[in-house]
Amino acid sequence: MVKICNYGFDKEVIEDNRDIYGIAYTQNILSGRYKNLIIWYLKEKDRRYSHIKKFLEDISQGSLTKQLRELENDKIISRTVYPEVPPKVVYGLTEKGKDLLPIIDMMENYGKRHGEQPHSV
């Protein structure tokens, strides 16, 4: 089976599993409890760190920073720092990140069709 790690794939793995490489690559980018939600939240407009933190409510500052940094390293999101006091940091989707939106939308639709919806009382 394909072994996924943070620094990529061994050339032998790519050659031996070319048919599944795309799935493994995409899974590696989206791995992380909040990455899908961050991408979904940024699809309409760029957001400040504090807005993302408020949207995700229960996420710790360390976890959010880690998820954002990984998405930035994978070139899924961009990070813009404005020289203000206090500093203003804004995150937005890159073109590569926008290419993931159809996948995120399919996940949303799948969950709506097959997930347990909360019942109103």
PDB file of N, CA and C in Angstrom:
ATOM      1  N   MET A   1       0.849  -1.184   0.000  1.00  0.00           N
ATOM      2  CA  MET A   1       0.000   0.000   0.000  1.00  0.00           C
ATOM      3  C   MET A   1       0.886   1.236   0.000  1.00  0.00           C
ATOM      4  N   VAL A   2       0.333   2.330  -0.438  1.00  0.00           N
ATOM      5  CA  VAL A   2       1.066   3.582  -0.520  1.00  0.00           C
ATOM      6  C   VAL A   2       1.307   4.128   0.879  1.00  0.00           C
ATOM      7  N   LYS A   3       2.537   4.484   1.156  1.00  0.00           N
ATOM      8  CA  LYS A   3       2.860   5.106   2.428  1.00  0.00           C
ATOM      9  C   LYS A   3       2.890   6.610   2.217  1.00  0.00           C
ATOM     10  N   ILE A   4       2.106   7.318   2.996  1.00  0.00           N
ATOM     11  CA  ILE A   4       2.013   8.767   2.887  1.00  0.00           C
ATOM     12  C   ILE A   4       2.773   9.379   4.052  1.00  0.00           C
ATOM     13  N   CYS A   5       3.537  10.404   3.760  1.00  0.00           N
ATOM     14  CA  CYS A   5       4.234  11.113   4.818  1.00  0.00           C
ATOM     15  C   CYS A   5       4.249  12.597   4.484  1.00  0.00           C
ATOM     16  N   ASN A   6       4.657  13.414   5.430  1.00  0.00           N
ATOM     17  CA  ASN A   6       4.616  14.864   5.251  1.00  0.00           C
ATOM     18  C   ASN A   6       5.541  15.367   4.156  1.00  0.00           C
ATOM     19  N   TYR A   7       6.598  14.643   3.856  1.00  0.00           N
ATOM     20  CA  TYR A   7       7.568  15.147   2.894  1.00  0.00           C
ATOM     21  C   TYR A   7       7.434  14.524   1.511  1.00  0.00           C
ATOM     22  N   GLY A   8       6.345  13.816   1.260  1.00  0.00           N
ATOM     23  CA  GLY A   8       6.095  13.324  -0.087  1.00  0.00           C
ATOM     24  C   GLY A   8       6.134  11.823  -0.203  1.00  0.00           C
ATOM     25  N   PHE A   9       6.409  11.383  -1.419  1.00  0.00           N
ATOM     26  CA  PHE A   9       6.372   9.963  -1.732  1.00  0.00           C
ATOM     27  C   PHE A   9       7.705   9.530  -2.323  1.00  0.00           C
ATOM     28  N   ASP A  10       8.096   8.332  -1.987  1.00  0.00           N
ATOM     29  CA  ASP A  10       9.284   7.723  -2.560  1.00  0.00           C
ATOM     30  C   ASP A  10       9.022   7.480  -4.046  1.00  0.00           C
ATOM     31  N   LYS A  11      10.037   7.668  -4.906  1.00  0.00           N
ATOM     32  CA  LYS A  11       9.863   7.479  -6.357  1.00  0.00           C
ATOM     33  C   LYS A  11       9.365   6.074  -6.682  1.00  0.00           C
ATOM     34  N   GLU A  12       9.829   5.093  -5.949  1.00  0.00           N
ATOM     35  CA  GLU A  12       9.397   3.714  -6.188  1.00  0.00           C
ATOM     36  C   GLU A  12       7.903   3.565  -5.914  1.00  0.00           C
ATOM     37  N   VAL A  13       7.419   4.220  -4.864  1.00  0.00           N
ATOM     38  CA  VAL A  13       5.991   4.172  -4.533  1.00  0.00           C
ATOM     39  C   VAL A  13       5.181   4.783  -5.668  1.00  0.00           C
ATOM     40  N   ILE A  14       5.650   5.907  -6.192  1.00  0.00           N
ATOM     41  CA  ILE A  14       4.946   6.575  -7.290  1.00  0.00           C
ATOM     42  C   ILE A  14       4.893   5.665  -8.512  1.00  0.00           C
ATOM     43  N   GLU A  15       6.013   5.074  -8.864  1.00  0.00           N
ATOM     44  CA  GLU A  15       6.067   4.205 -10.046  1.00  0.00           C
ATOM     45  C   GLU A  15       5.216   2.951  -9.877  1.00  0.00           C
ATOM     46  N   ASP A  16       5.280   2.335  -8.694  1.00  0.00           N
ATOM     47  CA  ASP A  16       4.548   1.092  -8.457  1.00  0.00           C
ATOM     48  C   ASP A  16       3.050   1.301  -8.259  1.00  0.00           C
ATOM     49  N   ASN A  17       2.642   2.505  -7.899  1.00  0.00           N
ATOM     50  CA  ASN A  17       1.239   2.766  -7.570  1.00  0.00           C
ATOM     51  C   ASN A  17       0.704   3.996  -8.293  1.00  0.00           C
ATOM     52  N   ARG A  18       1.119   4.173  -9.528  1.00  0.00           N
ATOM     53  CA  ARG A  18       0.745   5.361 -10.287  1.00  0.00           C
ATOM     54  C   ARG A  18      -0.766   5.573 -10.330  1.00  0.00           C
ATOM     55  N   ASP A  19      -1.528   4.481 -10.365  1.00  0.00           N
ATOM     56  CA  ASP A  19      -2.986   4.599 -10.460  1.00  0.00           C
ATOM     57  C   ASP A  19      -3.623   5.161  -9.197  1.00  0.00           C
ATOM     58  N   ILE A  20      -2.983   5.019  -8.055  1.00  0.00           N
ATOM     59  CA  ILE A  20      -3.564   5.515  -6.802  1.00  0.00           C
ATOM     60  C   ILE A  20      -2.838   6.758  -6.283  1.00  0.00           C
ATOM     61  N   TYR A  21      -1.785   7.172  -6.950  1.00  0.00           N
ATOM     62  CA  TYR A  21      -0.992   8.310  -6.480  1.00  0.00           C
ATOM     63  C   TYR A  21      -1.834   9.566  -6.309  1.00  0.00           C
ATOM     64  N   GLY A  22      -2.718   9.869  -7.253  1.00  0.00           N
ATOM     65  CA  GLY A  22      -3.533  11.076  -7.172  1.00  0.00           C
ATOM     66  C   GLY A  22      -4.411  11.098  -5.935  1.00  0.00           C
ATOM     67  N   ILE A  23      -4.987   9.959  -5.606  1.00  0.00           N
ATOM     68  CA  ILE A  23      -5.822   9.861  -4.409  1.00  0.00           C
ATOM     69  C   ILE A  23      -4.969  10.071  -3.164  1.00  0.00           C
ATOM     70  N   ALA A  24      -3.825   9.407  -3.114  1.00  0.00           N
ATOM     71  CA  ALA A  24      -2.946   9.516  -1.948  1.00  0.00           C
ATOM     72  C   ALA A  24      -2.420  10.947  -1.791  1.00  0.00           C
ATOM     73  N   TYR A  25      -2.075  11.585  -2.905  1.00  0.00           N
ATOM     74  CA  TYR A  25      -1.580  12.961  -2.861  1.00  0.00           C
ATOM     75  C   TYR A  25      -2.654  13.898  -2.306  1.00  0.00           C
ATOM     76  N   THR A  26      -3.875  13.768  -2.810  1.00  0.00           N
ATOM     77  CA  THR A  26      -4.969  14.623  -2.365  1.00  0.00           C
ATOM     78  C   THR A  26      -5.296  14.364  -0.900  1.00  0.00           C
ATOM     79  N   GLN A  27      -5.316  13.103  -0.512  1.00  0.00           N
ATOM     80  CA  GLN A  27      -5.574  12.747   0.886  1.00  0.00           C
ATOM     81  C   GLN A  27      -4.508  13.344   1.792  1.00  0.00           C
ATOM     82  N   ASN A  28      -3.254  13.314   1.349  1.00  0.00           N
ATOM     83  CA  ASN A  28      -2.168  13.860   2.140  1.00  0.00           C
ATOM     84  C   ASN A  28      -2.364  15.366   2.353  1.00  0.00           C
ATOM     85  N   ILE A  29      -2.797  16.069   1.331  1.00  0.00           N
ATOM     86  CA  ILE A  29      -3.037  17.514   1.453  1.00  0.00           C
ATOM     87  C   ILE A  29      -4.206  17.794   2.383  1.00  0.00           C
ATOM     88  N   LEU A  30      -5.262  17.004   2.289  1.00  0.00           N
ATOM     89  CA  LEU A  30      -6.468  17.256   3.079  1.00  0.00           C
ATOM     90  C   LEU A  30      -6.438  16.608   4.461  1.00  0.00           C
ATOM     91  N   SER A  31      -5.384  15.828   4.753  1.00  0.00           N
ATOM     92  CA  SER A  31      -5.338  15.178   6.060  1.00  0.00           C
ATOM     93  C   SER A  31      -5.193  16.231   7.146  1.00  0.00           C
ATOM     94  N   GLY A  32      -5.963  16.077   8.152  1.00  0.00           N
ATOM     95  CA  GLY A  32      -6.016  17.053   9.238  1.00  0.00           C
ATOM     96  C   GLY A  32      -7.477  17.311   9.552  1.00  0.00           C
ATOM     97  N   ARG A  33      -7.774  17.354  10.793  1.00  0.00           N
ATOM     98  CA  ARG A  33      -9.165  17.413  11.236  1.00  0.00           C
ATOM     99  C   ARG A  33      -9.923  18.621  10.697  1.00  0.00           C
ATOM    100  N   TYR A  34      -9.250  19.754  10.509  1.00  0.00           N
ATOM    101  CA  TYR A  34      -9.953  20.991  10.168  1.00  0.00           C
ATOM    102  C   TYR A  34      -9.670  21.519   8.768  1.00  0.00           C
ATOM    103  N   LYS A  35      -8.781  20.898   8.028  1.00  0.00           N
ATOM    104  CA  LYS A  35      -8.382  21.454   6.731  1.00  0.00           C
ATOM    105  C   LYS A  35      -9.549  21.586   5.763  1.00  0.00           C
ATOM    106  N   ASN A  36     -10.398  20.576   5.685  1.00  0.00           N
ATOM    107  CA  ASN A  36     -11.552  20.651   4.787  1.00  0.00           C
ATOM    108  C   ASN A  36     -12.450  21.829   5.154  1.00  0.00           C
ATOM    109  N   LEU A  37     -12.658  22.022   6.449  1.00  0.00           N
ATOM    110  CA  LEU A  37     -13.523  23.104   6.914  1.00  0.00           C
ATOM    111  C   LEU A  37     -12.895  24.472   6.647  1.00  0.00           C
ATOM    112  N   ILE A  38     -11.588  24.565   6.809  1.00  0.00           N
ATOM    113  CA  ILE A  38     -10.891  25.826   6.526  1.00  0.00           C
ATOM    114  C   ILE A  38     -11.035  26.169   5.050  1.00  0.00           C
ATOM    115  N   ILE A  39     -10.806  25.205   4.184  1.00  0.00           N
ATOM    116  CA  ILE A  39     -10.928  25.438   2.740  1.00  0.00           C
ATOM    117  C   ILE A  39     -12.361  25.853   2.405  1.00  0.00           C
ATOM    118  N   TRP A  40     -13.339  25.154   2.956  1.00  0.00           N
ATOM    119  CA  TRP A  40     -14.746  25.493   2.717  1.00  0.00           C
ATOM    120  C   TRP A  40     -15.042  26.918   3.181  1.00  0.00           C
ATOM    121  N   TYR A  41     -14.522  27.294   4.351  1.00  0.00           N
ATOM    122  CA  TYR A  41     -14.790  28.620   4.923  1.00  0.00           C
ATOM    123  C   TYR A  41     -14.151  29.727   4.088  1.00  0.00           C
ATOM    124  N   LEU A  42     -13.045  29.433   3.438  1.00  0.00           N
ATOM    125  CA  LEU A  42     -12.354  30.446   2.625  1.00  0.00           C
ATOM    126  C   LEU A  42     -12.870  30.514   1.191  1.00  0.00           C
ATOM    127  N   LYS A  43     -13.821  29.667   0.823  1.00  0.00           N
ATOM    128  CA  LYS A  43     -14.243  29.612  -0.577  1.00  0.00           C
ATOM    129  C   LYS A  43     -14.971  30.874  -1.026  1.00  0.00           C
ATOM    130  N   GLU A  44     -15.641  31.552  -0.140  1.00  0.00           N
ATOM    131  CA  GLU A  44     -16.384  32.755  -0.518  1.00  0.00           C
ATOM    132  C   GLU A  44     -15.522  34.014  -0.492  1.00  0.00           C
ATOM    133  N   LYS A  45     -14.633  34.102   0.502  1.00  0.00           N
ATOM    134  CA  LYS A  45     -13.788  35.296   0.617  1.00  0.00           C
ATOM    135  C   LYS A  45     -12.609  35.019   1.537  1.00  0.00           C
ATOM    136  N   ASP A  46     -11.616  35.900   1.463  1.00  0.00           N
ATOM    137  CA  ASP A  46     -10.469  35.810   2.348  1.00  0.00           C
ATOM    138  C   ASP A  46     -10.923  36.125   3.772  1.00  0.00           C
ATOM    139  N   ARG A  47     -10.244  35.530   4.742  1.00  0.00           N
ATOM    140  CA  ARG A  47     -10.648  35.698   6.141  1.00  0.00           C
ATOM    141  C   ARG A  47      -9.442  35.971   7.028  1.00  0.00           C
ATOM    142  N   ARG A  48      -9.690  36.721   8.080  1.00  0.00           N
ATOM    143  CA  ARG A  48      -8.671  36.966   9.093  1.00  0.00           C
ATOM    144  C   ARG A  48      -8.559  35.742  10.004  1.00  0.00           C
ATOM    145  N   TYR A  49      -7.397  35.612  10.615  1.00  0.00           N
ATOM    146  CA  TYR A  49      -7.149  34.502  11.537  1.00  0.00           C
ATOM    147  C   TYR A  49      -8.245  34.429  12.595  1.00  0.00           C
ATOM    148  N   SER A  50      -8.598  35.572  13.169  1.00  0.00           N
ATOM    149  CA  SER A  50      -9.589  35.591  14.256  1.00  0.00           C
ATOM    150  C   SER A  50     -10.956  35.097  13.786  1.00  0.00           C
ATOM    151  N   HIS A  51     -11.309  35.361  12.534  1.00  0.00           N
ATOM    152  CA  HIS A  51     -12.596  34.882  12.007  1.00  0.00           C
ATOM    153  C   HIS A  51     -12.577  33.357  11.838  1.00  0.00           C
ATOM    154  N   ILE A  52     -11.451  32.846  11.359  1.00  0.00           N
ATOM    155  CA  ILE A  52     -11.323  31.389  11.203  1.00  0.00           C
ATOM    156  C   ILE A  52     -11.399  30.721  12.578  1.00  0.00           C
ATOM    157  N   LYS A  53     -10.709  31.298  13.552  1.00  0.00           N
ATOM    158  CA  LYS A  53     -10.706  30.762  14.918  1.00  0.00           C
ATOM    159  C   LYS A  53     -12.118  30.766  15.487  1.00  0.00           C
ATOM    160  N   LYS A  54     -12.850  31.827  15.274  1.00  0.00           N
ATOM    161  CA  LYS A  54     -14.227  31.924  15.784  1.00  0.00           C
ATOM    162  C   LYS A  54     -15.133  30.909  15.081  1.00  0.00           C
ATOM    163  N   PHE A  55     -14.948  30.734  13.775  1.00  0.00           N
ATOM    164  CA  PHE A  55     -15.739  29.776  13.007  1.00  0.00           C
ATOM    165  C   PHE A  55     -15.526  28.355  13.520  1.00  0.00           C
ATOM    166  N   LEU A  56     -14.292  28.010  13.844  1.00  0.00           N
ATOM    167  CA  LEU A  56     -13.968  26.648  14.281  1.00  0.00           C
ATOM    168  C   LEU A  56     -14.120  26.453  15.790  1.00  0.00           C
ATOM    169  N   GLU A  57     -14.540  27.456  16.506  1.00  0.00           N
ATOM    170  CA  GLU A  57     -14.845  27.462  17.931  1.00  0.00           C
ATOM    171  C   GLU A  57     -13.896  26.676  18.832  1.00  0.00           C
ATOM    172  N   ASP A  58     -13.936  25.346  18.766  1.00  0.00           N
ATOM    173  CA  ASP A  58     -13.227  24.513  19.744  1.00  0.00           C
ATOM    174  C   ASP A  58     -11.762  24.245  19.413  1.00  0.00           C
ATOM    175  N   ILE A  59     -11.273  24.719  18.289  1.00  0.00           N
ATOM    176  CA  ILE A  59      -9.890  24.443  17.914  1.00  0.00           C
ATOM    177  C   ILE A  59      -8.937  25.275  18.777  1.00  0.00           C
ATOM    178  N   SER A  60      -7.842  24.675  19.180  1.00  0.00           N
ATOM    179  CA  SER A  60      -6.842  25.418  19.939  1.00  0.00           C
ATOM    180  C   SER A  60      -6.045  26.304  18.987  1.00  0.00           C
ATOM    181  N   GLN A  61      -5.440  27.333  19.527  1.00  0.00           N
ATOM    182  CA  GLN A  61      -4.634  28.234  18.711  1.00  0.00           C
ATOM    183  C   GLN A  61      -3.490  27.481  18.041  1.00  0.00           C
ATOM    184  N   GLY A  62      -2.870  26.567  18.775  1.00  0.00           N
ATOM    185  CA  GLY A  62      -1.768  25.783  18.226  1.00  0.00           C
ATOM    186  C   GLY A  62      -2.199  24.894  17.072  1.00  0.00           C
ATOM    187  N   SER A  63      -3.348  24.226  17.226  1.00  0.00           N
ATOM    188  CA  SER A  63      -3.850  23.359  16.164  1.00  0.00           C
ATOM    189  C   SER A  63      -4.220  24.160  14.922  1.00  0.00           C
ATOM    190  N   LEU A  64      -4.875  25.306  15.118  1.00  0.00           N
ATOM    191  CA  LEU A  64      -5.251  26.129  13.976  1.00  0.00           C
ATOM    192  C   LEU A  64      -4.014  26.630  13.247  1.00  0.00           C
ATOM    193  N   THR A  65      -3.038  27.103  13.997  1.00  0.00           N
ATOM    194  CA  THR A  65      -1.800  27.582  13.388  1.00  0.00           C
ATOM    195  C   THR A  65      -1.124  26.472  12.597  1.00  0.00           C
ATOM    196  N   LYS A  66      -1.094  25.256  13.148  1.00  0.00           N
ATOM    197  CA  LYS A  66      -0.477  24.116  12.461  1.00  0.00           C
ATOM    198  C   LYS A  66      -1.217  23.799  11.161  1.00  0.00           C
ATOM    199  N   GLN A  67      -2.546  23.737  11.217  1.00  0.00           N
ATOM    200  CA  GLN A  67      -3.340  23.425  10.019  1.00  0.00           C
ATOM    201  C   GLN A  67      -3.137  24.498   8.943  1.00  0.00           C
ATOM    202  N   LEU A  68      -3.168  25.770   9.348  1.00  0.00           N
ATOM    203  CA  LEU A  68      -2.969  26.859   8.389  1.00  0.00           C
ATOM    204  C   LEU A  68      -1.567  26.814   7.786  1.00  0.00           C
ATOM    205  N   ARG A  69      -0.581  26.542   8.611  1.00  0.00           N
ATOM    206  CA  ARG A  69       0.798  26.478   8.121  1.00  0.00           C
ATOM    207  C   ARG A  69       0.972  25.341   7.118  1.00  0.00           C
ATOM    208  N   GLU A  70       0.371  24.186   7.397  1.00  0.00           N
ATOM    209  CA  GLU A  70       0.462  23.061   6.467  1.00  0.00           C
ATOM    210  C   GLU A  70      -0.230  23.382   5.145  1.00  0.00           C
ATOM    211  N   LEU A  71      -1.402  24.013   5.212  1.00  0.00           N
ATOM    212  CA  LEU A  71      -2.105  24.400   3.979  1.00  0.00           C
ATOM    213  C   LEU A  71      -1.297  25.436   3.195  1.00  0.00           C
ATOM    214  N   GLU A  72      -0.641  26.320   3.907  1.00  0.00           N
ATOM    215  CA  GLU A  72       0.211  27.320   3.242  1.00  0.00           C
ATOM    216  C   GLU A  72       1.430  26.643   2.606  1.00  0.00           C
ATOM    217  N   ASN A  73       2.055  25.726   3.306  1.00  0.00           N
ATOM    218  CA  ASN A  73       3.218  25.010   2.772  1.00  0.00           C
ATOM    219  C   ASN A  73       2.862  24.196   1.535  1.00  0.00           C
ATOM    220  N   ASP A  74       1.623  23.677   1.502  1.00  0.00           N
ATOM    221  CA  ASP A  74       1.149  22.916   0.344  1.00  0.00           C
ATOM    222  C   ASP A  74       0.612  23.824  -0.764  1.00  0.00           C
ATOM    223  N   LYS A  75       0.691  25.145  -0.533  1.00  0.00           N
ATOM    224  CA  LYS A  75       0.251  26.154  -1.509  1.00  0.00           C
ATOM    225  C   LYS A  75      -1.252  26.093  -1.794  1.00  0.00           C
ATOM    226  N   ILE A  76      -2.022  25.716  -0.772  1.00  0.00           N
ATOM    227  CA  ILE A  76      -3.478  25.670  -0.872  1.00  0.00           C
ATOM    228  C   ILE A  76      -4.065  27.023  -0.459  1.00  0.00           C
ATOM    229  N   ILE A  77      -3.433  27.654   0.518  1.00  0.00           N
ATOM    230  CA  ILE A  77      -3.853  28.976   0.955  1.00  0.00           C
ATOM    231  C   ILE A  77      -2.676  29.934   0.908  1.00  0.00           C
ATOM    232  N   SER A  78      -3.002  31.215   0.854  1.00  0.00           N
ATOM    233  CA  SER A  78      -1.980  32.259   0.952  1.00  0.00           C
ATOM    234  C   SER A  78      -2.177  32.985   2.272  1.00  0.00           C
ATOM    235  N   ARG A  79      -1.100  33.532   2.771  1.00  0.00           N
ATOM    236  CA  ARG A  79      -1.125  34.268   4.044  1.00  0.00           C
ATOM    237  C   ARG A  79      -0.557  35.652   3.774  1.00  0.00           C
ATOM    238  N   THR A  80      -1.354  36.682   4.070  1.00  0.00           N
ATOM    239  CA  THR A  80      -0.914  38.057   3.862  1.00  0.00           C
ATOM    240  C   THR A  80      -0.907  38.764   5.210  1.00  0.00           C
ATOM    241  N   VAL A  81       0.251  39.343   5.550  1.00  0.00           N
ATOM    242  CA  VAL A  81       0.392  40.083   6.802  1.00  0.00           C
ATOM    243  C   VAL A  81       0.422  41.569   6.471  1.00  0.00           C
ATOM    244  N   TYR A  82      -0.470  42.322   7.094  1.00  0.00           N
ATOM    245  CA  TYR A  82      -0.521  43.766   6.895  1.00  0.00           C
ATOM    246  C   TYR A  82       0.213  44.433   8.058  1.00  0.00           C
ATOM    247  N   PRO A  83       1.101  45.389   7.750  1.00  0.00           N
ATOM    248  CA  PRO A  83       1.902  46.041   8.802  1.00  0.00           C
ATOM    249  C   PRO A  83       1.067  47.041   9.612  1.00  0.00           C
ATOM    250  N   GLU A  84       0.269  46.514  10.506  1.00  0.00           N
ATOM    251  CA  GLU A  84      -0.561  47.324  11.387  1.00  0.00           C
ATOM    252  C   GLU A  84      -0.268  46.919  12.822  1.00  0.00           C
ATOM    253  N   VAL A  85      -0.783  47.698  13.754  1.00  0.00           N
ATOM    254  CA  VAL A  85      -0.675  47.339  15.160  1.00  0.00           C
ATOM    255  C   VAL A  85      -2.085  47.246  15.711  1.00  0.00           C
ATOM    256  N   PRO A  86      -2.535  46.071  16.148  1.00  0.00           N
ATOM    257  CA  PRO A  86      -1.850  44.779  16.064  1.00  0.00           C
ATOM    258  C   PRO A  86      -1.803  44.286  14.617  1.00  0.00           C
ATOM    259  N   PRO A  87      -0.882  43.367  14.320  1.00  0.00           N
ATOM    260  CA  PRO A  87      -0.752  42.876  12.945  1.00  0.00           C
ATOM    261  C   PRO A  87      -2.053  42.248  12.442  1.00  0.00           C
ATOM    262  N   LYS A  88      -2.367  42.525  11.194  1.00  0.00           N
ATOM    263  CA  LYS A  88      -3.549  41.947  10.551  1.00  0.00           C
ATOM    264  C   LYS A  88      -3.063  40.843   9.612  1.00  0.00           C
ATOM    265  N   VAL A  89      -3.569  39.623   9.814  1.00  0.00           N
ATOM    266  CA  VAL A  89      -3.189  38.487   8.981  1.00  0.00           C
ATOM    267  C   VAL A  89      -4.445  37.974   8.288  1.00  0.00           C
ATOM    268  N   VAL A  90      -4.367  37.859   6.954  1.00  0.00           N
ATOM    269  CA  VAL A  90      -5.510  37.428   6.158  1.00  0.00           C
ATOM    270  C   VAL A  90      -5.120  36.189   5.360  1.00  0.00           C
ATOM    271  N   TYR A  91      -6.016  35.205   5.352  1.00  0.00           N
ATOM    272  CA  TYR A  91      -5.808  33.966   4.618  1.00  0.00           C
ATOM    273  C   TYR A  91      -6.804  33.886   3.471  1.00  0.00           C
ATOM    274  N   GLY A  92      -6.341  33.364   2.340  1.00  0.00           N
ATOM    275  CA  GLY A  92      -7.203  33.181   1.186  1.00  0.00           C
ATOM    276  C   GLY A  92      -6.776  31.958   0.404  1.00  0.00           C
ATOM    277  N   LEU A  93      -7.655  31.482  -0.447  1.00  0.00           N
ATOM    278  CA  LEU A  93      -7.344  30.322  -1.278  1.00  0.00           C
ATOM    279  C   LEU A  93      -6.472  30.737  -2.459  1.00  0.00           C
ATOM    280  N   THR A  94      -5.509  29.922  -2.774  1.00  0.00           N
ATOM    281  CA  THR A  94      -4.713  30.095  -3.989  1.00  0.00           C
ATOM    282  C   THR A  94      -5.468  29.427  -5.138  1.00  0.00           C
ATOM    283  N   GLU A  95      -4.952  29.528  -6.340  1.00  0.00           N
ATOM    284  CA  GLU A  95      -5.574  28.822  -7.465  1.00  0.00           C
ATOM    285  C   GLU A  95      -5.557  27.319  -7.228  1.00  0.00           C
ATOM    286  N   LYS A  96      -4.467  26.818  -6.677  1.00  0.00           N
ATOM    287  CA  LYS A  96      -4.381  25.388  -6.350  1.00  0.00           C
ATOM    288  C   LYS A  96      -5.432  25.026  -5.312  1.00  0.00           C
ATOM    289  N   GLY A  97      -5.662  25.899  -4.348  1.00  0.00           N
ATOM    290  CA  GLY A  97      -6.685  25.672  -3.335  1.00  0.00           C
ATOM    291  C   GLY A  97      -8.078  25.696  -3.930  1.00  0.00           C
ATOM    292  N   LYS A  98      -8.316  26.617  -4.852  1.00  0.00           N
ATOM    293  CA  LYS A  98      -9.633  26.704  -5.501  1.00  0.00           C
ATOM    294  C   LYS A  98      -9.927  25.455  -6.318  1.00  0.00           C
ATOM    295  N   ASP A  99      -8.883  24.802  -6.816  1.00  0.00           N
ATOM    296  CA  ASP A  99      -9.073  23.552  -7.556  1.00  0.00           C
ATOM    297  C   ASP A  99      -9.623  22.436  -6.664  1.00  0.00           C
ATOM    298  N   LEU A 100      -9.487  22.575  -5.336  1.00  0.00           N
ATOM    299  CA  LEU A 100     -10.031  21.579  -4.404  1.00  0.00           C
ATOM    300  C   LEU A 100     -11.514  21.795  -4.119  1.00  0.00           C
ATOM    301  N   LEU A 101     -12.063  22.948  -4.479  1.00  0.00           N
ATOM    302  CA  LEU A 101     -13.451  23.256  -4.125  1.00  0.00           C
ATOM    303  C   LEU A 101     -14.463  22.243  -4.654  1.00  0.00           C
ATOM    304  N   PRO A 102     -14.323  21.738  -5.881  1.00  0.00           N
ATOM    305  CA  PRO A 102     -15.283  20.709  -6.310  1.00  0.00           C
ATOM    306  C   PRO A 102     -15.251  19.461  -5.419  1.00  0.00           C
ATOM    307  N   ILE A 103     -14.089  19.119  -4.912  1.00  0.00           N
ATOM    308  CA  ILE A 103     -13.974  17.964  -4.010  1.00  0.00           C
ATOM    309  C   ILE A 103     -14.681  18.277  -2.690  1.00  0.00           C
ATOM    310  N   ILE A 104     -14.447  19.472  -2.169  1.00  0.00           N
ATOM    311  CA  ILE A 104     -15.089  19.891  -0.922  1.00  0.00           C
ATOM    312  C   ILE A 104     -16.610  19.920  -1.107  1.00  0.00           C
ATOM    313  N   ASP A 105     -17.063  20.445  -2.242  1.00  0.00           N
ATOM    314  CA  ASP A 105     -18.506  20.483  -2.527  1.00  0.00           C
ATOM    315  C   ASP A 105     -19.088  19.075  -2.614  1.00  0.00           C
ATOM    316  N   MET A 106     -18.361  18.149  -3.232  1.00  0.00           N
ATOM    317  CA  MET A 106     -18.840  16.763  -3.318  1.00  0.00           C
ATOM    318  C   MET A 106     -18.915  16.140  -1.926  1.00  0.00           C
ATOM    319  N   MET A 107     -17.929  16.446  -1.078  1.00  0.00           N
ATOM    320  CA  MET A 107     -17.960  15.934   0.291  1.00  0.00           C
ATOM    321  C   MET A 107     -19.172  16.486   1.037  1.00  0.00           C
ATOM    322  N   GLU A 108     -19.456  17.774   0.827  1.00  0.00           N
ATOM    323  CA  GLU A 108     -20.619  18.402   1.469  1.00  0.00           C
ATOM    324  C   GLU A 108     -21.913  17.719   1.020  1.00  0.00           C
ATOM    325  N   ASN A 109     -22.051  17.509  -0.278  1.00  0.00           N
ATOM    326  CA  ASN A 109     -23.257  16.873  -0.806  1.00  0.00           C
ATOM    327  C   ASN A 109     -23.391  15.426  -0.352  1.00  0.00           C
ATOM    328  N   TYR A 110     -22.283  14.702  -0.321  1.00  0.00           N
ATOM    329  CA  TYR A 110     -22.301  13.322   0.152  1.00  0.00           C
ATOM    330  C   TYR A 110     -22.780  13.273   1.609  1.00  0.00           C
ATOM    331  N   GLY A 111     -22.237  14.165   2.426  1.00  0.00           N
ATOM    332  CA  GLY A 111     -22.634  14.209   3.833  1.00  0.00           C
ATOM    333  C   GLY A 111     -24.091  14.558   4.018  1.00  0.00           C
ATOM    334  N   LYS A 112     -24.594  15.457   3.182  1.00  0.00           N
ATOM    335  CA  LYS A 112     -26.018  15.819   3.263  1.00  0.00           C
ATOM    336  C   LYS A 112     -26.902  14.624   2.908  1.00  0.00           C
ATOM    337  N   ARG A 113     -26.470  13.839   1.911  1.00  0.00           N
ATOM    338  CA  ARG A 113     -27.270  12.692   1.472  1.00  0.00           C
ATOM    339  C   ARG A 113     -27.174  11.507   2.435  1.00  0.00           C
ATOM    340  N   HIS A 114     -25.992  11.259   2.970  1.00  0.00           N
ATOM    341  CA  HIS A 114     -25.779  10.010   3.709  1.00  0.00           C
ATOM    342  C   HIS A 114     -25.504  10.188   5.198  1.00  0.00           C
ATOM    343  N   GLY A 115     -25.234  11.389   5.644  1.00  0.00           N
ATOM    344  CA  GLY A 115     -24.939  11.605   7.056  1.00  0.00           C
ATOM    345  C   GLY A 115     -26.196  11.747   7.872  1.00  0.00           C
ATOM    346  N   GLU A 116     -26.038  11.603   9.149  1.00  0.00           N
ATOM    347  CA  GLU A 116     -27.170  11.801  10.050  1.00  0.00           C
ATOM    348  C   GLU A 116     -27.354  13.284  10.254  1.00  0.00           C
ATOM    349  N   GLN A 117     -28.507  13.774   9.867  1.00  0.00           N
ATOM    350  CA  GLN A 117     -28.831  15.181  10.041  1.00  0.00           C
ATOM    351  C   GLN A 117     -29.434  15.375  11.426  1.00  0.00           C
ATOM    352  N   PRO A 118     -29.069  16.472  12.083  1.00  0.00           N
ATOM    353  CA  PRO A 118     -29.702  16.744  13.390  1.00  0.00           C
ATOM    354  C   PRO A 118     -31.205  16.943  13.201  1.00  0.00           C
ATOM    355  N   HIS A 119     -31.964  16.382  14.083  1.00  0.00           N
ATOM    356  CA  HIS A 119     -33.426  16.494  14.019  1.00  0.00           C
ATOM    357  C   HIS A 119     -33.875  17.659  14.877  1.00  0.00           C
ATOM    358  N   SER A 120     -34.733  18.484  14.323  1.00  0.00           N
ATOM    359  CA  SER A 120     -35.252  19.611  15.104  1.00  0.00           C
ATOM    360  C   SER A 120     -36.342  19.099  16.036  1.00  0.00           C
ATOM    361  N   VAL A 121     -36.396  19.677  17.205  1.00  0.00           N
ATOM    362  CA  VAL A 121     -37.344  19.220  18.227  1.00  0.00           C
ATOM    363  C   VAL A 121     -38.548  20.121  18.243  1.00  0.00           C
TER     364      VAL A 121
END
